[in-house]
Amino acid sequence: HAGEVPRVAREVSGGFRQGLGTLGA
């Protein structure tokens, strides 16, 4: 899954921003 690291990084970053928006820090 080394080739999927960029995709996973984008999903993690997007999920983190969404979590901050809904739950707050």
PDBML (XML) file of the C-alpha atoms, coordinates in Angstrom:
<?xml version="1.0" encoding="UTF-8" ?>
<PDBx:datablock datablockName="MODEL"
   xmlns:PDBx="http://pdbml.pdb.org/schema/pdbx-v50.xsd"
   xmlns:xsi="http://www.w3.org/2001/XMLSchema-instance"
   xsi:schemaLocation="http://pdbml.pdb.org/schema/pdbx-v50.xsd pdbx-v50.xsd">
   <PDBx:atom_siteCategory>
      <PDBx:atom_site id="1">
         <PDBx:B_iso_or_equiv>0.00</PDBx:B_iso_or_equiv>
         <PDBx:Cartn_x>0.000</PDBx:Cartn_x>
         <PDBx:Cartn_y>0.000</PDBx:Cartn_y>
         <PDBx:Cartn_z>0.000</PDBx:Cartn_z>
         <PDBx:auth_asym_id>A</PDBx:auth_asym_id>
         <PDBx:auth_atom_id>CA</PDBx:auth_atom_id>
         <PDBx:auth_comp_id>HIS</PDBx:auth_comp_id>
         <PDBx:auth_seq_id>1</PDBx:auth_seq_id>
         <PDBx:group_PDB>ATOM</PDBx:group_PDB>
         <PDBx:label_alt_id xsi:nil="true" />
         <PDBx:label_asym_id>A</PDBx:label_asym_id>
         <PDBx:label_atom_id>CA</PDBx:label_atom_id>
         <PDBx:label_comp_id>HIS</PDBx:label_comp_id>
         <PDBx:label_entity_id>1</PDBx:label_entity_id>
         <PDBx:label_seq_id>1</PDBx:label_seq_id>
         <PDBx:occupancy>1.00</PDBx:occupancy>
         <PDBx:pdbx_PDB_model_num>1</PDBx:pdbx_PDB_model_num>
         <PDBx:type_symbol>C</PDBx:type_symbol>
      </PDBx:atom_site>
      <PDBx:atom_site id="2">
         <PDBx:B_iso_or_equiv>0.00</PDBx:B_iso_or_equiv>
         <PDBx:Cartn_x>3.015</PDBx:Cartn_x>
         <PDBx:Cartn_y>2.277</PDBx:Cartn_y>
         <PDBx:Cartn_z>-0.334</PDBx:Cartn_z>
         <PDBx:auth_asym_id>A</PDBx:auth_asym_id>
         <PDBx:auth_atom_id>CA</PDBx:auth_atom_id>
         <PDBx:auth_comp_id>ALA</PDBx:auth_comp_id>
         <PDBx:auth_seq_id>2</PDBx:auth_seq_id>
         <PDBx:group_PDB>ATOM</PDBx:group_PDB>
         <PDBx:label_alt_id xsi:nil="true" />
         <PDBx:label_asym_id>A</PDBx:label_asym_id>
         <PDBx:label_atom_id>CA</PDBx:label_atom_id>
         <PDBx:label_comp_id>ALA</PDBx:label_comp_id>
         <PDBx:label_entity_id>1</PDBx:label_entity_id>
         <PDBx:label_seq_id>2</PDBx:label_seq_id>
         <PDBx:occupancy>1.00</PDBx:occupancy>
         <PDBx:pdbx_PDB_model_num>1</PDBx:pdbx_PDB_model_num>
         <PDBx:type_symbol>C</PDBx:type_symbol>
      </PDBx:atom_site>
      <PDBx:atom_site id="3">
         <PDBx:B_iso_or_equiv>0.00</PDBx:B_iso_or_equiv>
         <PDBx:Cartn_x>1.542</PDBx:Cartn_x>
         <PDBx:Cartn_y>3.756</PDBx:Cartn_y>
         <PDBx:Cartn_z>-3.504</PDBx:Cartn_z>
         <PDBx:auth_asym_id>A</PDBx:auth_asym_id>
         <PDBx:auth_atom_id>CA</PDBx:auth_atom_id>
         <PDBx:auth_comp_id>GLY</PDBx:auth_comp_id>
         <PDBx:auth_seq_id>3</PDBx:auth_seq_id>
         <PDBx:group_PDB>ATOM</PDBx:group_PDB>
         <PDBx:label_alt_id xsi:nil="true" />
         <PDBx:label_asym_id>A</PDBx:label_asym_id>
         <PDBx:label_atom_id>CA</PDBx:label_atom_id>
         <PDBx:label_comp_id>GLY</PDBx:label_comp_id>
         <PDBx:label_entity_id>1</PDBx:label_entity_id>
         <PDBx:label_seq_id>3</PDBx:label_seq_id>
         <PDBx:occupancy>1.00</PDBx:occupancy>
         <PDBx:pdbx_PDB_model_num>1</PDBx:pdbx_PDB_model_num>
         <PDBx:type_symbol>C</PDBx:type_symbol>
      </PDBx:atom_site>
      <PDBx:atom_site id="4">
         <PDBx:B_iso_or_equiv>0.00</PDBx:B_iso_or_equiv>
         <PDBx:Cartn_x>-1.645</PDBx:Cartn_x>
         <PDBx:Cartn_y>4.718</PDBx:Cartn_y>
         <PDBx:Cartn_z>-1.654</PDBx:Cartn_z>
         <PDBx:auth_asym_id>A</PDBx:auth_asym_id>
         <PDBx:auth_atom_id>CA</PDBx:auth_atom_id>
         <PDBx:auth_comp_id>GLU</PDBx:auth_comp_id>
         <PDBx:auth_seq_id>4</PDBx:auth_seq_id>
         <PDBx:group_PDB>ATOM</PDBx:group_PDB>
         <PDBx:label_alt_id xsi:nil="true" />
         <PDBx:label_asym_id>A</PDBx:label_asym_id>
         <PDBx:label_atom_id>CA</PDBx:label_atom_id>
         <PDBx:label_comp_id>GLU</PDBx:label_comp_id>
         <PDBx:label_entity_id>1</PDBx:label_entity_id>
         <PDBx:label_seq_id>4</PDBx:label_seq_id>
         <PDBx:occupancy>1.00</PDBx:occupancy>
         <PDBx:pdbx_PDB_model_num>1</PDBx:pdbx_PDB_model_num>
         <PDBx:type_symbol>C</PDBx:type_symbol>
      </PDBx:atom_site>
      <PDBx:atom_site id="5">
         <PDBx:B_iso_or_equiv>0.00</PDBx:B_iso_or_equiv>
         <PDBx:Cartn_x>0.114</PDBx:Cartn_x>
         <PDBx:Cartn_y>6.836</PDBx:Cartn_y>
         <PDBx:Cartn_z>0.948</PDBx:Cartn_z>
         <PDBx:auth_asym_id>A</PDBx:auth_asym_id>
         <PDBx:auth_atom_id>CA</PDBx:auth_atom_id>
         <PDBx:auth_comp_id>VAL</PDBx:auth_comp_id>
         <PDBx:auth_seq_id>5</PDBx:auth_seq_id>
         <PDBx:group_PDB>ATOM</PDBx:group_PDB>
         <PDBx:label_alt_id xsi:nil="true" />
         <PDBx:label_asym_id>A</PDBx:label_asym_id>
         <PDBx:label_atom_id>CA</PDBx:label_atom_id>
         <PDBx:label_comp_id>VAL</PDBx:label_comp_id>
         <PDBx:label_entity_id>1</PDBx:label_entity_id>
         <PDBx:label_seq_id>5</PDBx:label_seq_id>
         <PDBx:occupancy>1.00</PDBx:occupancy>
         <PDBx:pdbx_PDB_model_num>1</PDBx:pdbx_PDB_model_num>
         <PDBx:type_symbol>C</PDBx:type_symbol>
      </PDBx:atom_site>
      <PDBx:atom_site id="6">
         <PDBx:B_iso_or_equiv>0.00</PDBx:B_iso_or_equiv>
         <PDBx:Cartn_x>-0.741</PDBx:Cartn_x>
         <PDBx:Cartn_y>10.132</PDBx:Cartn_y>
         <PDBx:Cartn_z>-0.863</PDBx:Cartn_z>
         <PDBx:auth_asym_id>A</PDBx:auth_asym_id>
         <PDBx:auth_atom_id>CA</PDBx:auth_atom_id>
         <PDBx:auth_comp_id>PRO</PDBx:auth_comp_id>
         <PDBx:auth_seq_id>6</PDBx:auth_seq_id>
         <PDBx:group_PDB>ATOM</PDBx:group_PDB>
         <PDBx:label_alt_id xsi:nil="true" />
         <PDBx:label_asym_id>A</PDBx:label_asym_id>
         <PDBx:label_atom_id>CA</PDBx:label_atom_id>
         <PDBx:label_comp_id>PRO</PDBx:label_comp_id>
         <PDBx:label_entity_id>1</PDBx:label_entity_id>
         <PDBx:label_seq_id>6</PDBx:label_seq_id>
         <PDBx:occupancy>1.00</PDBx:occupancy>
         <PDBx:pdbx_PDB_model_num>1</PDBx:pdbx_PDB_model_num>
         <PDBx:type_symbol>C</PDBx:type_symbol>
      </PDBx:atom_site>
      <PDBx:atom_site id="7">
         <PDBx:B_iso_or_equiv>0.00</PDBx:B_iso_or_equiv>
         <PDBx:Cartn_x>-4.435</PDBx:Cartn_x>
         <PDBx:Cartn_y>9.155</PDBx:Cartn_y>
         <PDBx:Cartn_z>-1.010</PDBx:Cartn_z>
         <PDBx:auth_asym_id>A</PDBx:auth_asym_id>
         <PDBx:auth_atom_id>CA</PDBx:auth_atom_id>
         <PDBx:auth_comp_id>ARG</PDBx:auth_comp_id>
         <PDBx:auth_seq_id>7</PDBx:auth_seq_id>
         <PDBx:group_PDB>ATOM</PDBx:group_PDB>
         <PDBx:label_alt_id xsi:nil="true" />
         <PDBx:label_asym_id>A</PDBx:label_asym_id>
         <PDBx:label_atom_id>CA</PDBx:label_atom_id>
         <PDBx:label_comp_id>ARG</PDBx:label_comp_id>
         <PDBx:label_entity_id>1</PDBx:label_entity_id>
         <PDBx:label_seq_id>7</PDBx:label_seq_id>
         <PDBx:occupancy>1.00</PDBx:occupancy>
         <PDBx:pdbx_PDB_model_num>1</PDBx:pdbx_PDB_model_num>
         <PDBx:type_symbol>C</PDBx:type_symbol>
      </PDBx:atom_site>
      <PDBx:atom_site id="8">
         <PDBx:B_iso_or_equiv>0.00</PDBx:B_iso_or_equiv>
         <PDBx:Cartn_x>-4.491</PDBx:Cartn_x>
         <PDBx:Cartn_y>8.150</PDBx:Cartn_y>
         <PDBx:Cartn_z>2.633</PDBx:Cartn_z>
         <PDBx:auth_asym_id>A</PDBx:auth_asym_id>
         <PDBx:auth_atom_id>CA</PDBx:auth_atom_id>
         <PDBx:auth_comp_id>VAL</PDBx:auth_comp_id>
         <PDBx:auth_seq_id>8</PDBx:auth_seq_id>
         <PDBx:group_PDB>ATOM</PDBx:group_PDB>
         <PDBx:label_alt_id xsi:nil="true" />
         <PDBx:label_asym_id>A</PDBx:label_asym_id>
         <PDBx:label_atom_id>CA</PDBx:label_atom_id>
         <PDBx:label_comp_id>VAL</PDBx:label_comp_id>
         <PDBx:label_entity_id>1</PDBx:label_entity_id>
         <PDBx:label_seq_id>8</PDBx:label_seq_id>
         <PDBx:occupancy>1.00</PDBx:occupancy>
         <PDBx:pdbx_PDB_model_num>1</PDBx:pdbx_PDB_model_num>
         <PDBx:type_symbol>C</PDBx:type_symbol>
      </PDBx:atom_site>
      <PDBx:atom_site id="9">
         <PDBx:B_iso_or_equiv>0.00</PDBx:B_iso_or_equiv>
         <PDBx:Cartn_x>-2.691</PDBx:Cartn_x>
         <PDBx:Cartn_y>11.373</PDBx:Cartn_y>
         <PDBx:Cartn_z>3.577</PDBx:Cartn_z>
         <PDBx:auth_asym_id>A</PDBx:auth_asym_id>
         <PDBx:auth_atom_id>CA</PDBx:auth_atom_id>
         <PDBx:auth_comp_id>ALA</PDBx:auth_comp_id>
         <PDBx:auth_seq_id>9</PDBx:auth_seq_id>
         <PDBx:group_PDB>ATOM</PDBx:group_PDB>
         <PDBx:label_alt_id xsi:nil="true" />
         <PDBx:label_asym_id>A</PDBx:label_asym_id>
         <PDBx:label_atom_id>CA</PDBx:label_atom_id>
         <PDBx:label_comp_id>ALA</PDBx:label_comp_id>
         <PDBx:label_entity_id>1</PDBx:label_entity_id>
         <PDBx:label_seq_id>9</PDBx:label_seq_id>
         <PDBx:occupancy>1.00</PDBx:occupancy>
         <PDBx:pdbx_PDB_model_num>1</PDBx:pdbx_PDB_model_num>
         <PDBx:type_symbol>C</PDBx:type_symbol>
      </PDBx:atom_site>
      <PDBx:atom_site id="10">
         <PDBx:B_iso_or_equiv>0.00</PDBx:B_iso_or_equiv>
         <PDBx:Cartn_x>-5.377</PDBx:Cartn_x>
         <PDBx:Cartn_y>13.402</PDBx:Cartn_y>
         <PDBx:Cartn_z>1.799</PDBx:Cartn_z>
         <PDBx:auth_asym_id>A</PDBx:auth_asym_id>
         <PDBx:auth_atom_id>CA</PDBx:auth_atom_id>
         <PDBx:auth_comp_id>ARG</PDBx:auth_comp_id>
         <PDBx:auth_seq_id>10</PDBx:auth_seq_id>
         <PDBx:group_PDB>ATOM</PDBx:group_PDB>
         <PDBx:label_alt_id xsi:nil="true" />
         <PDBx:label_asym_id>A</PDBx:label_asym_id>
         <PDBx:label_atom_id>CA</PDBx:label_atom_id>
         <PDBx:label_comp_id>ARG</PDBx:label_comp_id>
         <PDBx:label_entity_id>1</PDBx:label_entity_id>
         <PDBx:label_seq_id>10</PDBx:label_seq_id>
         <PDBx:occupancy>1.00</PDBx:occupancy>
         <PDBx:pdbx_PDB_model_num>1</PDBx:pdbx_PDB_model_num>
         <PDBx:type_symbol>C</PDBx:type_symbol>
      </PDBx:atom_site>
      <PDBx:atom_site id="11">
         <PDBx:B_iso_or_equiv>0.00</PDBx:B_iso_or_equiv>
         <PDBx:Cartn_x>-8.149</PDBx:Cartn_x>
         <PDBx:Cartn_y>11.412</PDBx:Cartn_y>
         <PDBx:Cartn_z>3.533</PDBx:Cartn_z>
         <PDBx:auth_asym_id>A</PDBx:auth_asym_id>
         <PDBx:auth_atom_id>CA</PDBx:auth_atom_id>
         <PDBx:auth_comp_id>GLU</PDBx:auth_comp_id>
         <PDBx:auth_seq_id>11</PDBx:auth_seq_id>
         <PDBx:group_PDB>ATOM</PDBx:group_PDB>
         <PDBx:label_alt_id xsi:nil="true" />
         <PDBx:label_asym_id>A</PDBx:label_asym_id>
         <PDBx:label_atom_id>CA</PDBx:label_atom_id>
         <PDBx:label_comp_id>GLU</PDBx:label_comp_id>
         <PDBx:label_entity_id>1</PDBx:label_entity_id>
         <PDBx:label_seq_id>11</PDBx:label_seq_id>
         <PDBx:occupancy>1.00</PDBx:occupancy>
         <PDBx:pdbx_PDB_model_num>1</PDBx:pdbx_PDB_model_num>
         <PDBx:type_symbol>C</PDBx:type_symbol>
      </PDBx:atom_site>
      <PDBx:atom_site id="12">
         <PDBx:B_iso_or_equiv>0.00</PDBx:B_iso_or_equiv>
         <PDBx:Cartn_x>-6.530</PDBx:Cartn_x>
         <PDBx:Cartn_y>11.867</PDBx:Cartn_y>
         <PDBx:Cartn_z>6.938</PDBx:Cartn_z>
         <PDBx:auth_asym_id>A</PDBx:auth_asym_id>
         <PDBx:auth_atom_id>CA</PDBx:auth_atom_id>
         <PDBx:auth_comp_id>VAL</PDBx:auth_comp_id>
         <PDBx:auth_seq_id>12</PDBx:auth_seq_id>
         <PDBx:group_PDB>ATOM</PDBx:group_PDB>
         <PDBx:label_alt_id xsi:nil="true" />
         <PDBx:label_asym_id>A</PDBx:label_asym_id>
         <PDBx:label_atom_id>CA</PDBx:label_atom_id>
         <PDBx:label_comp_id>VAL</PDBx:label_comp_id>
         <PDBx:label_entity_id>1</PDBx:label_entity_id>
         <PDBx:label_seq_id>12</PDBx:label_seq_id>
         <PDBx:occupancy>1.00</PDBx:occupancy>
         <PDBx:pdbx_PDB_model_num>1</PDBx:pdbx_PDB_model_num>
         <PDBx:type_symbol>C</PDBx:type_symbol>
      </PDBx:atom_site>
      <PDBx:atom_site id="13">
         <PDBx:B_iso_or_equiv>0.00</PDBx:B_iso_or_equiv>
         <PDBx:Cartn_x>-6.094</PDBx:Cartn_x>
         <PDBx:Cartn_y>15.601</PDBx:Cartn_y>
         <PDBx:Cartn_z>6.374</PDBx:Cartn_z>
         <PDBx:auth_asym_id>A</PDBx:auth_asym_id>
         <PDBx:auth_atom_id>CA</PDBx:auth_atom_id>
         <PDBx:auth_comp_id>SER</PDBx:auth_comp_id>
         <PDBx:auth_seq_id>13</PDBx:auth_seq_id>
         <PDBx:group_PDB>ATOM</PDBx:group_PDB>
         <PDBx:label_alt_id xsi:nil="true" />
         <PDBx:label_asym_id>A</PDBx:label_asym_id>
         <PDBx:label_atom_id>CA</PDBx:label_atom_id>
         <PDBx:label_comp_id>SER</PDBx:label_comp_id>
         <PDBx:label_entity_id>1</PDBx:label_entity_id>
         <PDBx:label_seq_id>13</PDBx:label_seq_id>
         <PDBx:occupancy>1.00</PDBx:occupancy>
         <PDBx:pdbx_PDB_model_num>1</PDBx:pdbx_PDB_model_num>
         <PDBx:type_symbol>C</PDBx:type_symbol>
      </PDBx:atom_site>
      <PDBx:atom_site id="14">
         <PDBx:B_iso_or_equiv>0.00</PDBx:B_iso_or_equiv>
         <PDBx:Cartn_x>-9.671</PDBx:Cartn_x>
         <PDBx:Cartn_y>15.985</PDBx:Cartn_y>
         <PDBx:Cartn_z>5.126</PDBx:Cartn_z>
         <PDBx:auth_asym_id>A</PDBx:auth_asym_id>
         <PDBx:auth_atom_id>CA</PDBx:auth_atom_id>
         <PDBx:auth_comp_id>GLY</PDBx:auth_comp_id>
         <PDBx:auth_seq_id>14</PDBx:auth_seq_id>
         <PDBx:group_PDB>ATOM</PDBx:group_PDB>
         <PDBx:label_alt_id xsi:nil="true" />
         <PDBx:label_asym_id>A</PDBx:label_asym_id>
         <PDBx:label_atom_id>CA</PDBx:label_atom_id>
         <PDBx:label_comp_id>GLY</PDBx:label_comp_id>
         <PDBx:label_entity_id>1</PDBx:label_entity_id>
         <PDBx:label_seq_id>14</PDBx:label_seq_id>
         <PDBx:occupancy>1.00</PDBx:occupancy>
         <PDBx:pdbx_PDB_model_num>1</PDBx:pdbx_PDB_model_num>
         <PDBx:type_symbol>C</PDBx:type_symbol>
      </PDBx:atom_site>
      <PDBx:atom_site id="15">
         <PDBx:B_iso_or_equiv>0.00</PDBx:B_iso_or_equiv>
         <PDBx:Cartn_x>-11.082</PDBx:Cartn_x>
         <PDBx:Cartn_y>13.917</PDBx:Cartn_y>
         <PDBx:Cartn_z>7.967</PDBx:Cartn_z>
         <PDBx:auth_asym_id>A</PDBx:auth_asym_id>
         <PDBx:auth_atom_id>CA</PDBx:auth_atom_id>
         <PDBx:auth_comp_id>GLY</PDBx:auth_comp_id>
         <PDBx:auth_seq_id>15</PDBx:auth_seq_id>
         <PDBx:group_PDB>ATOM</PDBx:group_PDB>
         <PDBx:label_alt_id xsi:nil="true" />
         <PDBx:label_asym_id>A</PDBx:label_asym_id>
         <PDBx:label_atom_id>CA</PDBx:label_atom_id>
         <PDBx:label_comp_id>GLY</PDBx:label_comp_id>
         <PDBx:label_entity_id>1</PDBx:label_entity_id>
         <PDBx:label_seq_id>15</PDBx:label_seq_id>
         <PDBx:occupancy>1.00</PDBx:occupancy>
         <PDBx:pdbx_PDB_model_num>1</PDBx:pdbx_PDB_model_num>
         <PDBx:type_symbol>C</PDBx:type_symbol>
      </PDBx:atom_site>
      <PDBx:atom_site id="16">
         <PDBx:B_iso_or_equiv>0.00</PDBx:B_iso_or_equiv>
         <PDBx:Cartn_x>-9.137</PDBx:Cartn_x>
         <PDBx:Cartn_y>15.959</PDBx:Cartn_y>
         <PDBx:Cartn_z>10.504</PDBx:Cartn_z>
         <PDBx:auth_asym_id>A</PDBx:auth_asym_id>
         <PDBx:auth_atom_id>CA</PDBx:auth_atom_id>
         <PDBx:auth_comp_id>PHE</PDBx:auth_comp_id>
         <PDBx:auth_seq_id>16</PDBx:auth_seq_id>
         <PDBx:group_PDB>ATOM</PDBx:group_PDB>
         <PDBx:label_alt_id xsi:nil="true" />
         <PDBx:label_asym_id>A</PDBx:label_asym_id>
         <PDBx:label_atom_id>CA</PDBx:label_atom_id>
         <PDBx:label_comp_id>PHE</PDBx:label_comp_id>
         <PDBx:label_entity_id>1</PDBx:label_entity_id>
         <PDBx:label_seq_id>16</PDBx:label_seq_id>
         <PDBx:occupancy>1.00</PDBx:occupancy>
         <PDBx:pdbx_PDB_model_num>1</PDBx:pdbx_PDB_model_num>
         <PDBx:type_symbol>C</PDBx:type_symbol>
      </PDBx:atom_site>
      <PDBx:atom_site id="17">
         <PDBx:B_iso_or_equiv>0.00</PDBx:B_iso_or_equiv>
         <PDBx:Cartn_x>-10.494</PDBx:Cartn_x>
         <PDBx:Cartn_y>19.245</PDBx:Cartn_y>
         <PDBx:Cartn_z>9.121</PDBx:Cartn_z>
         <PDBx:auth_asym_id>A</PDBx:auth_asym_id>
         <PDBx:auth_atom_id>CA</PDBx:auth_atom_id>
         <PDBx:auth_comp_id>ARG</PDBx:auth_comp_id>
         <PDBx:auth_seq_id>17</PDBx:auth_seq_id>
         <PDBx:group_PDB>ATOM</PDBx:group_PDB>
         <PDBx:label_alt_id xsi:nil="true" />
         <PDBx:label_asym_id>A</PDBx:label_asym_id>
         <PDBx:label_atom_id>CA</PDBx:label_atom_id>
         <PDBx:label_comp_id>ARG</PDBx:label_comp_id>
         <PDBx:label_entity_id>1</PDBx:label_entity_id>
         <PDBx:label_seq_id>17</PDBx:label_seq_id>
         <PDBx:occupancy>1.00</PDBx:occupancy>
         <PDBx:pdbx_PDB_model_num>1</PDBx:pdbx_PDB_model_num>
         <PDBx:type_symbol>C</PDBx:type_symbol>
      </PDBx:atom_site>
      <PDBx:atom_site id="18">
         <PDBx:B_iso_or_equiv>0.00</PDBx:B_iso_or_equiv>
         <PDBx:Cartn_x>-14.027</PDBx:Cartn_x>
         <PDBx:Cartn_y>17.853</PDBx:Cartn_y>
         <PDBx:Cartn_z>9.064</PDBx:Cartn_z>
         <PDBx:auth_asym_id>A</PDBx:auth_asym_id>
         <PDBx:auth_atom_id>CA</PDBx:auth_atom_id>
         <PDBx:auth_comp_id>GLN</PDBx:auth_comp_id>
         <PDBx:auth_seq_id>18</PDBx:auth_seq_id>
         <PDBx:group_PDB>ATOM</PDBx:group_PDB>
         <PDBx:label_alt_id xsi:nil="true" />
         <PDBx:label_asym_id>A</PDBx:label_asym_id>
         <PDBx:label_atom_id>CA</PDBx:label_atom_id>
         <PDBx:label_comp_id>GLN</PDBx:label_comp_id>
         <PDBx:label_entity_id>1</PDBx:label_entity_id>
         <PDBx:label_seq_id>18</PDBx:label_seq_id>
         <PDBx:occupancy>1.00</PDBx:occupancy>
         <PDBx:pdbx_PDB_model_num>1</PDBx:pdbx_PDB_model_num>
         <PDBx:type_symbol>C</PDBx:type_symbol>
      </PDBx:atom_site>
      <PDBx:atom_site id="19">
         <PDBx:B_iso_or_equiv>0.00</PDBx:B_iso_or_equiv>
         <PDBx:Cartn_x>-13.653</PDBx:Cartn_x>
         <PDBx:Cartn_y>16.581</PDBx:Cartn_y>
         <PDBx:Cartn_z>12.661</PDBx:Cartn_z>
         <PDBx:auth_asym_id>A</PDBx:auth_asym_id>
         <PDBx:auth_atom_id>CA</PDBx:auth_atom_id>
         <PDBx:auth_comp_id>GLY</PDBx:auth_comp_id>
         <PDBx:auth_seq_id>19</PDBx:auth_seq_id>
         <PDBx:group_PDB>ATOM</PDBx:group_PDB>
         <PDBx:label_alt_id xsi:nil="true" />
         <PDBx:label_asym_id>A</PDBx:label_asym_id>
         <PDBx:label_atom_id>CA</PDBx:label_atom_id>
         <PDBx:label_comp_id>GLY</PDBx:label_comp_id>
         <PDBx:label_entity_id>1</PDBx:label_entity_id>
         <PDBx:label_seq_id>19</PDBx:label_seq_id>
         <PDBx:occupancy>1.00</PDBx:occupancy>
         <PDBx:pdbx_PDB_model_num>1</PDBx:pdbx_PDB_model_num>
         <PDBx:type_symbol>C</PDBx:type_symbol>
      </PDBx:atom_site>
      <PDBx:atom_site id="20">
         <PDBx:B_iso_or_equiv>0.00</PDBx:B_iso_or_equiv>
         <PDBx:Cartn_x>-12.469</PDBx:Cartn_x>
         <PDBx:Cartn_y>20.001</PDBx:Cartn_y>
         <PDBx:Cartn_z>13.799</PDBx:Cartn_z>
         <PDBx:auth_asym_id>A</PDBx:auth_asym_id>
         <PDBx:auth_atom_id>CA</PDBx:auth_atom_id>
         <PDBx:auth_comp_id>LEU</PDBx:auth_comp_id>
         <PDBx:auth_seq_id>20</PDBx:auth_seq_id>
         <PDBx:group_PDB>ATOM</PDBx:group_PDB>
         <PDBx:label_alt_id xsi:nil="true" />
         <PDBx:label_asym_id>A</PDBx:label_asym_id>
         <PDBx:label_atom_id>CA</PDBx:label_atom_id>
         <PDBx:label_comp_id>LEU</PDBx:label_comp_id>
         <PDBx:label_entity_id>1</PDBx:label_entity_id>
         <PDBx:label_seq_id>20</PDBx:label_seq_id>
         <PDBx:occupancy>1.00</PDBx:occupancy>
         <PDBx:pdbx_PDB_model_num>1</PDBx:pdbx_PDB_model_num>
         <PDBx:type_symbol>C</PDBx:type_symbol>
      </PDBx:atom_site>
      <PDBx:atom_site id="21">
         <PDBx:B_iso_or_equiv>0.00</PDBx:B_iso_or_equiv>
         <PDBx:Cartn_x>-15.446</PDBx:Cartn_x>
         <PDBx:Cartn_y>21.582</PDBx:Cartn_y>
         <PDBx:Cartn_z>12.091</PDBx:Cartn_z>
         <PDBx:auth_asym_id>A</PDBx:auth_asym_id>
         <PDBx:auth_atom_id>CA</PDBx:auth_atom_id>
         <PDBx:auth_comp_id>GLY</PDBx:auth_comp_id>
         <PDBx:auth_seq_id>21</PDBx:auth_seq_id>
         <PDBx:group_PDB>ATOM</PDBx:group_PDB>
         <PDBx:label_alt_id xsi:nil="true" />
         <PDBx:label_asym_id>A</PDBx:label_asym_id>
         <PDBx:label_atom_id>CA</PDBx:label_atom_id>
         <PDBx:label_comp_id>GLY</PDBx:label_comp_id>
         <PDBx:label_entity_id>1</PDBx:label_entity_id>
         <PDBx:label_seq_id>21</PDBx:label_seq_id>
         <PDBx:occupancy>1.00</PDBx:occupancy>
         <PDBx:pdbx_PDB_model_num>1</PDBx:pdbx_PDB_model_num>
         <PDBx:type_symbol>C</PDBx:type_symbol>
      </PDBx:atom_site>
      <PDBx:atom_site id="22">
         <PDBx:B_iso_or_equiv>0.00</PDBx:B_iso_or_equiv>
         <PDBx:Cartn_x>-18.033</PDBx:Cartn_x>
         <PDBx:Cartn_y>19.291</PDBx:Cartn_y>
         <PDBx:Cartn_z>13.693</PDBx:Cartn_z>
         <PDBx:auth_asym_id>A</PDBx:auth_asym_id>
         <PDBx:auth_atom_id>CA</PDBx:auth_atom_id>
         <PDBx:auth_comp_id>THR</PDBx:auth_comp_id>
         <PDBx:auth_seq_id>22</PDBx:auth_seq_id>
         <PDBx:group_PDB>ATOM</PDBx:group_PDB>
         <PDBx:label_alt_id xsi:nil="true" />
         <PDBx:label_asym_id>A</PDBx:label_asym_id>
         <PDBx:label_atom_id>CA</PDBx:label_atom_id>
         <PDBx:label_comp_id>THR</PDBx:label_comp_id>
         <PDBx:label_entity_id>1</PDBx:label_entity_id>
         <PDBx:label_seq_id>22</PDBx:label_seq_id>
         <PDBx:occupancy>1.00</PDBx:occupancy>
         <PDBx:pdbx_PDB_model_num>1</PDBx:pdbx_PDB_model_num>
         <PDBx:type_symbol>C</PDBx:type_symbol>
      </PDBx:atom_site>
      <PDBx:atom_site id="23">
         <PDBx:B_iso_or_equiv>0.00</PDBx:B_iso_or_equiv>
         <PDBx:Cartn_x>-16.524</PDBx:Cartn_x>
         <PDBx:Cartn_y>18.513</PDBx:Cartn_y>
         <PDBx:Cartn_z>17.115</PDBx:Cartn_z>
         <PDBx:auth_asym_id>A</PDBx:auth_asym_id>
         <PDBx:auth_atom_id>CA</PDBx:auth_atom_id>
         <PDBx:auth_comp_id>LEU</PDBx:auth_comp_id>
         <PDBx:auth_seq_id>23</PDBx:auth_seq_id>
         <PDBx:group_PDB>ATOM</PDBx:group_PDB>
         <PDBx:label_alt_id xsi:nil="true" />
         <PDBx:label_asym_id>A</PDBx:label_asym_id>
         <PDBx:label_atom_id>CA</PDBx:label_atom_id>
         <PDBx:label_comp_id>LEU</PDBx:label_comp_id>
         <PDBx:label_entity_id>1</PDBx:label_entity_id>
         <PDBx:label_seq_id>23</PDBx:label_seq_id>
         <PDBx:occupancy>1.00</PDBx:occupancy>
         <PDBx:pdbx_PDB_model_num>1</PDBx:pdbx_PDB_model_num>
         <PDBx:type_symbol>C</PDBx:type_symbol>
      </PDBx:atom_site>
      <PDBx:atom_site id="24">
         <PDBx:B_iso_or_equiv>0.00</PDBx:B_iso_or_equiv>
         <PDBx:Cartn_x>-14.073</PDBx:Cartn_x>
         <PDBx:Cartn_y>21.331</PDBx:Cartn_y>
         <PDBx:Cartn_z>17.636</PDBx:Cartn_z>
         <PDBx:auth_asym_id>A</PDBx:auth_asym_id>
         <PDBx:auth_atom_id>CA</PDBx:auth_atom_id>
         <PDBx:auth_comp_id>GLY</PDBx:auth_comp_id>
         <PDBx:auth_seq_id>24</PDBx:auth_seq_id>
         <PDBx:group_PDB>ATOM</PDBx:group_PDB>
         <PDBx:label_alt_id xsi:nil="true" />
         <PDBx:label_asym_id>A</PDBx:label_asym_id>
         <PDBx:label_atom_id>CA</PDBx:label_atom_id>
         <PDBx:label_comp_id>GLY</PDBx:label_comp_id>
         <PDBx:label_entity_id>1</PDBx:label_entity_id>
         <PDBx:label_seq_id>24</PDBx:label_seq_id>
         <PDBx:occupancy>1.00</PDBx:occupancy>
         <PDBx:pdbx_PDB_model_num>1</PDBx:pdbx_PDB_model_num>
         <PDBx:type_symbol>C</PDBx:type_symbol>
      </PDBx:atom_site>
      <PDBx:atom_site id="25">
         <PDBx:B_iso_or_equiv>0.00</PDBx:B_iso_or_equiv>
         <PDBx:Cartn_x>-10.505</PDBx:Cartn_x>
         <PDBx:Cartn_y>20.909</PDBx:Cartn_y>
         <PDBx:Cartn_z>18.864</PDBx:Cartn_z>
         <PDBx:auth_asym_id>A</PDBx:auth_asym_id>
         <PDBx:auth_atom_id>CA</PDBx:auth_atom_id>
         <PDBx:auth_comp_id>ALA</PDBx:auth_comp_id>
         <PDBx:auth_seq_id>25</PDBx:auth_seq_id>
         <PDBx:group_PDB>ATOM</PDBx:group_PDB>
         <PDBx:label_alt_id xsi:nil="true" />
         <PDBx:label_asym_id>A</PDBx:label_asym_id>
         <PDBx:label_atom_id>CA</PDBx:label_atom_id>
         <PDBx:label_comp_id>ALA</PDBx:label_comp_id>
         <PDBx:label_entity_id>1</PDBx:label_entity_id>
         <PDBx:label_seq_id>25</PDBx:label_seq_id>
         <PDBx:occupancy>1.00</PDBx:occupancy>
         <PDBx:pdbx_PDB_model_num>1</PDBx:pdbx_PDB_model_num>
         <PDBx:type_symbol>C</PDBx:type_symbol>
      </PDBx:atom_site>
   </PDBx:atom_siteCategory>
</PDBx:datablock>
